Amino acid sequence: MKTVSKENSVVRSGIKKTTKCGIVVNAKAFEMLARQYSDPVKAIIQEIGANAADSHIRAGKEEVPFSVKLPNALDPHLRIRDYGVGMSKDVIYDVYINYMQSDKTGTNSETGCFGIGSKTPLAYSDQFNVTTYNGGVMTMYALVKNEEGVPELNEFGDHETDEEDGVEISFSVKEDDFDRFAQRA
């Protein structure tokens, strides 16, 4: 989604030194980003679903539904799987894992542009799975909060596959929350 930005007109006088502010990478910063949602379950389904729909738009498959598998007693995982463009390793490492980084800032045909929504599962769980499918190769990752509480990506490896290109996001849901996920979906 294109954002509107304007250059600020700033008049400075009598300044000895100017320094841009930054953001410290620590558990507190990531916790604030993860816990910003008043309804984390709704936000997860909404954000991951929007990313799946965007991937279908990019692939020219707007009419193809993405898959949502709700948690239940046989499989306690929420799974959202798209059949869009997938994500290359470059996209995973340069865009996906970085907050405030997005490859959607040049278009209004896709939702999102802040690089926050893709990490909404961290508002519910300390880890979630990302499985990418690209050109006959499946790559499995886990985005987890490390010992310091800072998210990190763990890559498990590549495997040949016949699966269509796309991405699946999944994580385990507590049994007491199965109905909550179903209601929000």
N, C-alpha and C. Protein backbone atom coordinates (compact mmCIF):
# COMPACT_ATOMS: atom_id res chain seq x y z
N MET A 1 0.85 -1.16 0.00
CA MET A 1 0.00 0.00 0.00
C MET A 1 0.90 1.23 0.00
N LYS A 2 0.63 2.11 -0.93
CA LYS A 2 1.42 3.34 -1.00
C LYS A 2 1.03 4.24 0.16
N THR A 3 2.02 4.81 0.79
CA THR A 3 1.75 5.77 1.85
C THR A 3 2.10 7.16 1.34
N VAL A 4 1.47 8.15 1.92
CA VAL A 4 1.74 9.52 1.54
C VAL A 4 2.79 10.06 2.50
N SER A 5 3.85 10.54 1.94
CA SER A 5 4.87 11.15 2.79
C SER A 5 5.23 12.50 2.19
N LYS A 6 5.52 13.40 3.07
CA LYS A 6 5.90 14.73 2.62
C LYS A 6 7.17 15.12 3.33
N GLU A 7 7.92 15.92 2.67
CA GLU A 7 9.15 16.41 3.26
C GLU A 7 8.80 17.53 4.23
N ASN A 8 9.34 17.45 5.43
CA ASN A 8 9.12 18.50 6.43
C ASN A 8 10.01 19.69 6.13
N SER A 9 9.44 20.83 6.30
CA SER A 9 10.21 22.06 6.19
C SER A 9 10.67 22.41 7.60
N VAL A 10 11.95 22.34 7.82
CA VAL A 10 12.50 22.55 9.16
C VAL A 10 13.48 23.72 9.13
N VAL A 11 13.31 24.62 10.07
CA VAL A 11 14.24 25.74 10.22
C VAL A 11 15.04 25.49 11.50
N ARG A 12 16.33 25.44 11.37
CA ARG A 12 17.20 25.21 12.52
C ARG A 12 18.06 26.45 12.74
N SER A 13 18.30 26.75 14.01
CA SER A 13 19.22 27.84 14.30
C SER A 13 19.88 27.57 15.64
N GLY A 14 21.11 27.92 15.74
CA GLY A 14 21.85 27.78 16.99
C GLY A 14 22.13 26.34 17.39
N ILE A 15 22.08 25.43 16.45
CA ILE A 15 22.28 24.01 16.77
C ILE A 15 23.75 23.65 16.65
N LYS A 16 24.25 22.97 17.67
CA LYS A 16 25.64 22.53 17.66
C LYS A 16 25.78 21.17 16.99
N LYS A 17 24.81 20.28 17.20
CA LYS A 17 24.92 18.92 16.65
C LYS A 17 23.52 18.35 16.44
N THR A 18 23.32 17.63 15.34
CA THR A 18 22.06 16.95 15.05
C THR A 18 22.34 15.46 14.88
N THR A 19 21.54 14.64 15.54
CA THR A 19 21.69 13.19 15.45
C THR A 19 20.32 12.56 15.30
N LYS A 20 20.16 11.69 14.32
CA LYS A 20 18.90 10.97 14.14
C LYS A 20 18.72 9.95 15.26
N CYS A 21 17.49 9.80 15.69
CA CYS A 21 17.17 8.79 16.69
C CYS A 21 17.11 7.42 16.04
N GLY A 22 17.23 6.38 16.84
CA GLY A 22 17.17 5.00 16.34
C GLY A 22 16.25 4.17 17.21
N ILE A 23 16.24 2.90 16.95
CA ILE A 23 15.45 1.96 17.73
C ILE A 23 16.39 0.86 18.22
N VAL A 24 16.32 0.59 19.50
CA VAL A 24 17.15 -0.45 20.10
C VAL A 24 16.50 -1.81 19.86
N VAL A 25 17.30 -2.77 19.46
CA VAL A 25 16.80 -4.13 19.26
C VAL A 25 16.89 -4.86 20.60
N ASN A 26 15.72 -4.97 21.26
CA ASN A 26 15.67 -5.72 22.51
C ASN A 26 14.27 -6.30 22.68
N ALA A 27 14.11 -7.15 23.67
CA ALA A 27 12.83 -7.83 23.90
C ALA A 27 11.69 -6.83 24.14
N LYS A 28 11.97 -5.76 24.85
CA LYS A 28 10.94 -4.76 25.16
C LYS A 28 10.35 -4.16 23.88
N ALA A 29 11.19 -3.84 22.91
CA ALA A 29 10.72 -3.24 21.66
C ALA A 29 9.83 -4.22 20.89
N PHE A 30 10.27 -5.48 20.81
CA PHE A 30 9.48 -6.47 20.06
C PHE A 30 8.21 -6.84 20.80
N GLU A 31 8.25 -6.83 22.11
CA GLU A 31 7.05 -7.11 22.90
C GLU A 31 6.01 -6.03 22.67
N MET A 32 6.43 -4.78 22.58
CA MET A 32 5.50 -3.69 22.31
C MET A 32 4.84 -3.86 20.94
N LEU A 33 5.62 -4.26 19.95
CA LEU A 33 5.08 -4.47 18.61
C LEU A 33 4.11 -5.65 18.59
N ALA A 34 4.44 -6.71 19.30
CA ALA A 34 3.60 -7.92 19.30
C ALA A 34 2.33 -7.74 20.10
N ARG A 35 2.36 -6.94 21.12
CA ARG A 35 1.22 -6.82 22.03
C ARG A 35 0.35 -5.58 21.77
N GLN A 36 0.45 -5.03 20.58
CA GLN A 36 -0.32 -3.83 20.26
C GLN A 36 -1.78 -4.11 19.92
N TYR A 37 -2.14 -5.38 19.77
CA TYR A 37 -3.48 -5.74 19.29
C TYR A 37 -4.44 -5.98 20.45
N SER A 38 -5.61 -5.34 20.39
CA SER A 38 -6.63 -5.56 21.43
C SER A 38 -7.25 -6.95 21.30
N ASP A 39 -7.25 -7.51 20.10
CA ASP A 39 -7.77 -8.85 19.84
C ASP A 39 -6.74 -9.59 18.98
N PRO A 40 -5.72 -10.17 19.62
CA PRO A 40 -4.64 -10.81 18.86
C PRO A 40 -5.11 -11.91 17.91
N VAL A 41 -6.10 -12.70 18.32
CA VAL A 41 -6.57 -13.79 17.47
C VAL A 41 -7.16 -13.23 16.18
N LYS A 42 -8.00 -12.23 16.30
CA LYS A 42 -8.59 -11.58 15.12
C LYS A 42 -7.49 -10.97 14.25
N ALA A 43 -6.54 -10.31 14.87
CA ALA A 43 -5.46 -9.66 14.12
C ALA A 43 -4.63 -10.68 13.35
N ILE A 44 -4.34 -11.82 13.96
CA ILE A 44 -3.56 -12.86 13.29
C ILE A 44 -4.28 -13.34 12.04
N ILE A 45 -5.55 -13.70 12.19
CA ILE A 45 -6.31 -14.21 11.06
C ILE A 45 -6.43 -13.14 9.98
N GLN A 46 -6.69 -11.92 10.39
CA GLN A 46 -6.84 -10.81 9.45
C GLN A 46 -5.53 -10.52 8.71
N GLU A 47 -4.44 -10.40 9.44
CA GLU A 47 -3.15 -10.02 8.83
C GLU A 47 -2.56 -11.13 7.96
N ILE A 48 -2.56 -12.36 8.46
CA ILE A 48 -1.99 -13.45 7.68
C ILE A 48 -2.90 -13.73 6.48
N GLY A 49 -4.22 -13.61 6.67
CA GLY A 49 -5.15 -13.76 5.55
C GLY A 49 -4.94 -12.69 4.49
N ALA A 50 -4.72 -11.45 4.91
CA ALA A 50 -4.47 -10.36 3.95
C ALA A 50 -3.19 -10.61 3.17
N ASN A 51 -2.16 -11.12 3.85
CA ASN A 51 -0.91 -11.43 3.14
C ASN A 51 -1.13 -12.55 2.12
N ALA A 52 -1.94 -13.55 2.49
CA ALA A 52 -2.24 -14.64 1.55
C ALA A 52 -2.99 -14.09 0.33
N ALA A 53 -3.97 -13.23 0.58
CA ALA A 53 -4.73 -12.62 -0.53
C ALA A 53 -3.81 -11.78 -1.40
N ASP A 54 -2.90 -11.02 -0.79
CA ASP A 54 -1.95 -10.21 -1.57
C ASP A 54 -1.06 -11.08 -2.45
N SER A 55 -0.63 -12.22 -1.93
CA SER A 55 0.21 -13.12 -2.71
C SER A 55 -0.55 -13.65 -3.93
N HIS A 56 -1.85 -13.89 -3.75
CA HIS A 56 -2.67 -14.34 -4.87
C HIS A 56 -2.83 -13.21 -5.91
N ILE A 57 -2.95 -11.98 -5.44
CA ILE A 57 -3.03 -10.85 -6.37
C ILE A 57 -1.76 -10.78 -7.20
N ARG A 58 -0.61 -10.88 -6.56
CA ARG A 58 0.68 -10.83 -7.28
C ARG A 58 0.81 -11.94 -8.30
N ALA A 59 0.24 -13.11 -7.96
CA ALA A 59 0.35 -14.27 -8.86
C ALA A 59 -0.75 -14.27 -9.93
N GLY A 60 -1.65 -13.27 -9.89
CA GLY A 60 -2.75 -13.24 -10.84
C GLY A 60 -3.79 -14.31 -10.56
N LYS A 61 -3.92 -14.69 -9.29
CA LYS A 61 -4.86 -15.74 -8.88
C LYS A 61 -5.89 -15.19 -7.90
N GLU A 62 -6.41 -13.99 -8.16
CA GLU A 62 -7.35 -13.36 -7.24
C GLU A 62 -8.57 -14.23 -6.96
N GLU A 63 -8.98 -15.05 -7.91
CA GLU A 63 -10.18 -15.88 -7.77
C GLU A 63 -9.91 -17.20 -7.06
N VAL A 64 -8.65 -17.54 -6.85
CA VAL A 64 -8.29 -18.80 -6.18
C VAL A 64 -8.29 -18.56 -4.68
N PRO A 65 -9.06 -19.36 -3.92
CA PRO A 65 -9.06 -19.16 -2.47
C PRO A 65 -7.77 -19.69 -1.83
N PHE A 66 -7.34 -19.03 -0.78
CA PHE A 66 -6.25 -19.58 0.02
C PHE A 66 -6.89 -20.48 1.07
N SER A 67 -6.09 -21.32 1.71
CA SER A 67 -6.61 -22.31 2.67
C SER A 67 -6.44 -21.82 4.10
N VAL A 68 -7.48 -22.03 4.90
CA VAL A 68 -7.42 -21.77 6.33
C VAL A 68 -7.86 -23.04 7.04
N LYS A 69 -6.97 -23.61 7.83
CA LYS A 69 -7.30 -24.80 8.61
C LYS A 69 -7.29 -24.39 10.08
N LEU A 70 -8.45 -24.45 10.69
CA LEU A 70 -8.58 -24.03 12.08
C LEU A 70 -8.12 -25.13 13.02
N PRO A 71 -7.64 -24.77 14.21
CA PRO A 71 -7.17 -25.78 15.17
C PRO A 71 -8.32 -26.62 15.70
N ASN A 72 -8.01 -27.89 15.97
CA ASN A 72 -9.00 -28.80 16.56
C ASN A 72 -8.26 -29.88 17.34
N ALA A 73 -8.99 -30.82 17.93
CA ALA A 73 -8.39 -31.85 18.77
C ALA A 73 -7.44 -32.76 17.99
N LEU A 74 -7.69 -32.98 16.70
CA LEU A 74 -6.81 -33.84 15.90
C LEU A 74 -5.54 -33.13 15.46
N ASP A 75 -5.64 -31.83 15.22
CA ASP A 75 -4.48 -31.02 14.82
C ASP A 75 -4.65 -29.63 15.43
N PRO A 76 -3.92 -29.34 16.50
CA PRO A 76 -4.12 -28.08 17.22
C PRO A 76 -3.48 -26.85 16.56
N HIS A 77 -3.11 -26.95 15.30
CA HIS A 77 -2.44 -25.83 14.62
C HIS A 77 -3.41 -25.01 13.78
N LEU A 78 -3.23 -23.69 13.81
CA LEU A 78 -3.84 -22.83 12.81
C LEU A 78 -2.89 -22.87 11.63
N ARG A 79 -3.44 -23.08 10.44
CA ARG A 79 -2.62 -23.13 9.22
C ARG A 79 -3.29 -22.25 8.16
N ILE A 80 -2.55 -21.29 7.66
CA ILE A 80 -3.03 -20.47 6.56
C ILE A 80 -2.03 -20.64 5.42
N ARG A 81 -2.54 -21.16 4.30
CA ARG A 81 -1.67 -21.52 3.16
C ARG A 81 -2.17 -20.80 1.91
N ASP A 82 -1.28 -20.04 1.30
CA ASP A 82 -1.63 -19.40 0.03
C ASP A 82 -0.97 -20.16 -1.12
N TYR A 83 -1.45 -19.87 -2.32
CA TYR A 83 -0.95 -20.51 -3.54
C TYR A 83 -0.52 -19.42 -4.52
N GLY A 84 0.15 -18.43 -3.94
CA GLY A 84 0.58 -17.27 -4.71
C GLY A 84 2.01 -17.37 -5.17
N VAL A 85 2.75 -16.30 -4.96
CA VAL A 85 4.11 -16.19 -5.51
C VAL A 85 5.17 -16.84 -4.63
N GLY A 86 4.86 -17.17 -3.40
CA GLY A 86 5.89 -17.71 -2.50
C GLY A 86 6.86 -16.62 -2.07
N MET A 87 7.88 -17.02 -1.34
CA MET A 87 8.93 -16.08 -0.93
C MET A 87 10.28 -16.75 -1.14
N SER A 88 11.14 -16.08 -1.87
CA SER A 88 12.50 -16.56 -2.04
C SER A 88 13.26 -16.37 -0.73
N LYS A 89 14.43 -16.97 -0.64
CA LYS A 89 15.25 -16.76 0.56
C LYS A 89 15.65 -15.30 0.69
N ASP A 90 15.90 -14.63 -0.43
CA ASP A 90 16.23 -13.20 -0.37
C ASP A 90 15.09 -12.41 0.25
N VAL A 91 13.86 -12.70 -0.15
CA VAL A 91 12.71 -12.00 0.42
C VAL A 91 12.56 -12.33 1.90
N ILE A 92 12.72 -13.59 2.26
CA ILE A 92 12.62 -13.99 3.67
C ILE A 92 13.62 -13.21 4.51
N TYR A 93 14.89 -13.19 4.08
CA TYR A 93 15.94 -12.59 4.90
C TYR A 93 16.05 -11.07 4.78
N ASP A 94 15.68 -10.50 3.64
CA ASP A 94 15.83 -9.05 3.45
C ASP A 94 14.56 -8.28 3.77
N VAL A 95 13.40 -8.94 3.65
CA VAL A 95 12.13 -8.23 3.85
C VAL A 95 11.33 -8.83 5.00
N TYR A 96 10.96 -10.10 4.88
CA TYR A 96 10.00 -10.73 5.79
C TYR A 96 10.39 -10.63 7.27
N ILE A 97 11.61 -10.90 7.61
CA ILE A 97 11.99 -10.93 9.03
C ILE A 97 12.23 -9.55 9.63
N ASN A 98 12.22 -8.52 8.80
CA ASN A 98 12.51 -7.18 9.30
C ASN A 98 11.23 -6.37 9.51
N TYR A 99 11.04 -5.93 10.73
CA TYR A 99 9.94 -5.03 11.03
C TYR A 99 10.16 -3.72 10.28
N MET A 100 9.07 -3.11 9.84
CA MET A 100 9.06 -1.84 9.11
C MET A 100 9.66 -1.97 7.71
N GLN A 101 9.82 -3.20 7.23
CA GLN A 101 10.31 -3.44 5.87
C GLN A 101 9.20 -4.16 5.11
N SER A 102 8.91 -3.68 3.91
CA SER A 102 7.83 -4.27 3.12
C SER A 102 8.15 -4.15 1.65
N ASP A 103 7.67 -5.12 0.88
CA ASP A 103 7.79 -5.02 -0.57
C ASP A 103 6.44 -4.63 -1.18
N LYS A 104 5.54 -4.07 -0.36
CA LYS A 104 4.22 -3.66 -0.82
C LYS A 104 4.06 -2.14 -0.90
N THR A 105 5.13 -1.40 -0.69
CA THR A 105 5.02 0.06 -0.61
C THR A 105 4.85 0.74 -1.96
N GLY A 106 5.02 0.00 -3.05
CA GLY A 106 4.91 0.61 -4.38
C GLY A 106 3.58 0.40 -5.06
N THR A 107 2.58 -0.15 -4.36
CA THR A 107 1.31 -0.46 -5.00
C THR A 107 0.13 -0.21 -4.05
N ASN A 108 -1.00 0.11 -4.62
CA ASN A 108 -2.23 0.22 -3.84
C ASN A 108 -3.14 -0.99 -4.06
N SER A 109 -2.67 -1.98 -4.82
CA SER A 109 -3.49 -3.16 -5.07
C SER A 109 -3.31 -4.21 -3.97
N GLU A 110 -2.39 -3.97 -3.05
CA GLU A 110 -2.14 -4.91 -1.95
C GLU A 110 -2.31 -4.19 -0.61
N THR A 111 -2.63 -4.97 0.41
CA THR A 111 -2.83 -4.44 1.75
C THR A 111 -1.49 -4.47 2.49
N GLY A 112 -1.28 -3.53 3.34
CA GLY A 112 -0.09 -3.56 4.19
C GLY A 112 1.08 -2.81 3.59
N CYS A 113 1.99 -2.44 4.44
CA CYS A 113 3.22 -1.79 3.97
C CYS A 113 4.19 -1.52 5.12
N PHE A 114 3.86 -2.00 6.31
CA PHE A 114 4.71 -1.68 7.46
C PHE A 114 5.60 -2.84 7.91
N GLY A 115 5.36 -4.04 7.41
CA GLY A 115 6.19 -5.17 7.81
C GLY A 115 5.94 -5.60 9.24
N ILE A 116 4.74 -5.37 9.75
CA ILE A 116 4.40 -5.75 11.12
C ILE A 116 3.41 -6.91 11.13
N GLY A 117 2.42 -6.88 10.25
CA GLY A 117 1.35 -7.87 10.24
C GLY A 117 1.81 -9.29 10.07
N SER A 118 2.89 -9.49 9.32
CA SER A 118 3.39 -10.85 9.10
C SER A 118 3.90 -11.51 10.39
N LYS A 119 4.15 -10.70 11.39
CA LYS A 119 4.66 -11.24 12.67
C LYS A 119 3.57 -11.31 13.73
N THR A 120 2.29 -11.11 13.36
CA THR A 120 1.21 -11.15 14.36
C THR A 120 1.13 -12.45 15.14
N PRO A 121 1.52 -13.61 14.61
CA PRO A 121 1.47 -14.80 15.47
C PRO A 121 2.27 -14.66 16.77
N LEU A 122 3.27 -13.76 16.78
CA LEU A 122 4.04 -13.54 18.01
C LEU A 122 3.22 -12.83 19.08
N ALA A 123 2.04 -12.33 18.73
CA ALA A 123 1.13 -11.75 19.72
C ALA A 123 0.42 -12.85 20.51
N TYR A 124 0.48 -14.08 19.99
CA TYR A 124 -0.19 -15.22 20.64
C TYR A 124 0.82 -16.27 21.11
N SER A 125 1.84 -16.50 20.34
CA SER A 125 2.78 -17.60 20.59
C SER A 125 4.21 -17.09 20.54
N ASP A 126 5.11 -17.81 21.19
CA ASP A 126 6.52 -17.44 21.16
C ASP A 126 7.22 -17.93 19.89
N GLN A 127 6.48 -18.67 19.06
CA GLN A 127 7.07 -19.13 17.80
C GLN A 127 5.98 -19.49 16.81
N PHE A 128 6.32 -19.38 15.53
CA PHE A 128 5.43 -19.87 14.49
C PHE A 128 6.26 -20.35 13.31
N ASN A 129 5.63 -21.18 12.48
CA ASN A 129 6.31 -21.81 11.35
C ASN A 129 6.00 -21.07 10.06
N VAL A 130 7.00 -20.97 9.23
CA VAL A 130 6.86 -20.39 7.90
C VAL A 130 7.40 -21.42 6.93
N THR A 131 6.56 -21.91 6.05
CA THR A 131 6.99 -22.88 5.03
C THR A 131 6.77 -22.23 3.67
N THR A 132 7.85 -22.13 2.90
CA THR A 132 7.76 -21.53 1.58
C THR A 132 7.87 -22.61 0.51
N TYR A 133 7.16 -22.38 -0.58
CA TYR A 133 7.19 -23.27 -1.74
C TYR A 133 7.54 -22.43 -2.95
N ASN A 134 8.67 -22.76 -3.56
CA ASN A 134 9.15 -21.99 -4.72
C ASN A 134 9.78 -22.91 -5.74
N GLY A 135 9.17 -22.99 -6.91
CA GLY A 135 9.78 -23.74 -8.02
C GLY A 135 10.18 -25.15 -7.67
N GLY A 136 9.35 -25.88 -6.94
CA GLY A 136 9.64 -27.27 -6.61
C GLY A 136 10.51 -27.45 -5.37
N VAL A 137 10.76 -26.37 -4.65
CA VAL A 137 11.56 -26.47 -3.42
C VAL A 137 10.74 -25.93 -2.24
N MET A 138 10.64 -26.75 -1.20
CA MET A 138 9.99 -26.35 0.04
C MET A 138 11.09 -26.02 1.05
N THR A 139 10.99 -24.85 1.69
CA THR A 139 11.95 -24.48 2.72
C THR A 139 11.16 -24.23 4.01
N MET A 140 11.65 -24.81 5.09
CA MET A 140 10.96 -24.69 6.38
C MET A 140 11.75 -23.79 7.32
N TYR A 141 11.00 -22.88 7.97
CA TYR A 141 11.57 -21.94 8.92
C TYR A 141 10.70 -21.92 10.18
N ALA A 142 11.28 -21.45 11.26
CA ALA A 142 10.52 -21.11 12.46
C ALA A 142 10.97 -19.72 12.90
N LEU A 143 10.01 -18.84 13.12
CA LEU A 143 10.30 -17.52 13.68
C LEU A 143 10.00 -17.64 15.17
N VAL A 144 11.03 -17.48 15.99
CA VAL A 144 10.91 -17.75 17.42
C VAL A 144 11.49 -16.60 18.23
N LYS A 145 10.96 -16.44 19.44
CA LYS A 145 11.59 -15.52 20.38
C LYS A 145 12.77 -16.27 21.00
N ASN A 146 13.96 -15.70 20.88
CA ASN A 146 15.15 -16.37 21.41
C ASN A 146 15.26 -16.18 22.93
N GLU A 147 16.38 -16.57 23.49
CA GLU A 147 16.58 -16.50 24.94
C GLU A 147 16.43 -15.10 25.51
N GLU A 148 16.74 -14.08 24.70
CA GLU A 148 16.61 -12.69 25.14
C GLU A 148 15.22 -12.12 24.83
N GLY A 149 14.34 -12.92 24.20
CA GLY A 149 13.01 -12.43 23.84
C GLY A 149 12.98 -11.67 22.52
N VAL A 150 14.05 -11.75 21.75
CA VAL A 150 14.14 -11.08 20.46
C VAL A 150 13.82 -12.11 19.37
N PRO A 151 12.92 -11.80 18.45
CA PRO A 151 12.60 -12.75 17.39
C PRO A 151 13.82 -13.07 16.53
N GLU A 152 13.95 -14.35 16.18
CA GLU A 152 14.99 -14.78 15.27
C GLU A 152 14.41 -15.83 14.34
N LEU A 153 14.98 -15.93 13.16
CA LEU A 153 14.52 -16.90 12.18
C LEU A 153 15.46 -18.09 12.19
N ASN A 154 14.88 -19.28 12.30
CA ASN A 154 15.65 -20.52 12.22
C ASN A 154 15.26 -21.22 10.92
N GLU A 155 16.24 -21.50 10.07
CA GLU A 155 16.00 -22.19 8.81
C GLU A 155 16.35 -23.66 9.00
N PHE A 156 15.43 -24.53 8.58
CA PHE A 156 15.63 -25.98 8.77
C PHE A 156 16.10 -26.69 7.52
N GLY A 157 15.93 -26.13 6.36
CA GLY A 157 16.44 -26.78 5.17
C GLY A 157 15.46 -26.79 4.02
N ASP A 158 15.98 -27.27 2.88
CA ASP A 158 15.22 -27.33 1.64
C ASP A 158 14.89 -28.77 1.31
N HIS A 159 13.73 -28.96 0.70
CA HIS A 159 13.28 -30.29 0.29
C HIS A 159 12.56 -30.16 -1.05
N GLU A 160 12.78 -31.10 -1.94
CA GLU A 160 12.06 -31.10 -3.20
C GLU A 160 10.58 -31.38 -2.92
N THR A 161 9.70 -30.77 -3.74
CA THR A 161 8.27 -30.93 -3.54
C THR A 161 7.52 -30.75 -4.86
N ASP A 162 6.33 -31.31 -4.91
CA ASP A 162 5.42 -31.11 -6.04
C ASP A 162 4.37 -30.06 -5.72
N GLU A 163 4.44 -29.48 -4.53
CA GLU A 163 3.45 -28.49 -4.09
C GLU A 163 3.51 -27.23 -4.96
N GLU A 164 2.35 -26.59 -5.10
CA GLU A 164 2.28 -25.31 -5.79
C GLU A 164 3.07 -24.26 -5.01
N ASP A 165 3.56 -23.25 -5.72
CA ASP A 165 4.23 -22.13 -5.05
C ASP A 165 3.29 -21.48 -4.04
N GLY A 166 3.87 -20.87 -3.03
CA GLY A 166 3.10 -20.18 -2.01
C GLY A 166 3.78 -20.25 -0.67
N VAL A 167 3.02 -19.93 0.37
CA VAL A 167 3.53 -19.88 1.74
C VAL A 167 2.48 -20.45 2.68
N GLU A 168 2.94 -21.18 3.70
CA GLU A 168 2.05 -21.59 4.78
C GLU A 168 2.60 -21.05 6.10
N ILE A 169 1.73 -20.41 6.86
CA ILE A 169 2.04 -19.95 8.21
C ILE A 169 1.26 -20.84 9.15
N SER A 170 1.92 -21.36 10.19
CA SER A 170 1.22 -22.23 11.14
C SER A 170 1.82 -22.09 12.53
N PHE A 171 0.98 -22.38 13.52
CA PHE A 171 1.44 -22.43 14.90
C PHE A 171 0.42 -23.19 15.73
N SER A 172 0.88 -23.67 16.86
CA SER A 172 0.03 -24.44 17.76
C SER A 172 -0.85 -23.51 18.59
N VAL A 173 -2.11 -23.93 18.76
CA VAL A 173 -3.09 -23.16 19.51
C VAL A 173 -3.48 -23.96 20.75
N LYS A 174 -3.63 -23.27 21.87
CA LYS A 174 -4.07 -23.92 23.11
C LYS A 174 -5.51 -24.42 22.94
N GLU A 175 -5.79 -25.61 23.47
CA GLU A 175 -7.11 -26.22 23.32
C GLU A 175 -8.23 -25.29 23.77
N ASP A 176 -8.01 -24.56 24.84
CA ASP A 176 -9.03 -23.64 25.35
C ASP A 176 -9.36 -22.51 24.36
N ASP A 177 -8.50 -22.30 23.36
CA ASP A 177 -8.70 -21.21 22.40
C ASP A 177 -9.24 -21.68 21.05
N PHE A 178 -9.49 -22.97 20.87
CA PHE A 178 -9.99 -23.46 19.58
C PHE A 178 -11.24 -22.70 19.15
N ASP A 179 -12.21 -22.57 20.06
CA ASP A 179 -13.48 -21.90 19.74
C ASP A 179 -13.24 -20.42 19.41
N ARG A 180 -12.33 -19.80 20.14
CA ARG A 180 -12.04 -18.39 19.89
C ARG A 180 -11.51 -18.17 18.46
N PHE A 181 -10.63 -19.06 18.02
CA PHE A 181 -10.11 -18.96 16.65
C PHE A 181 -11.23 -19.19 15.65
N ALA A 182 -12.08 -20.16 15.91
CA ALA A 182 -13.21 -20.44 15.00
C ALA A 182 -14.14 -19.25 14.91
N GLN A 183 -14.47 -18.64 16.04
CA GLN A 183 -15.36 -17.48 16.05
C GLN A 183 -14.76 -16.30 15.29
N ARG A 184 -13.48 -16.04 15.50
CA ARG A 184 -12.84 -14.90 14.84
C ARG A 184 -12.71 -15.13 13.33
N ALA A 185 -12.48 -16.37 12.95
CA ALA A 185 -12.36 -16.69 11.52
C ALA A 185 -13.71 -16.47 10.83
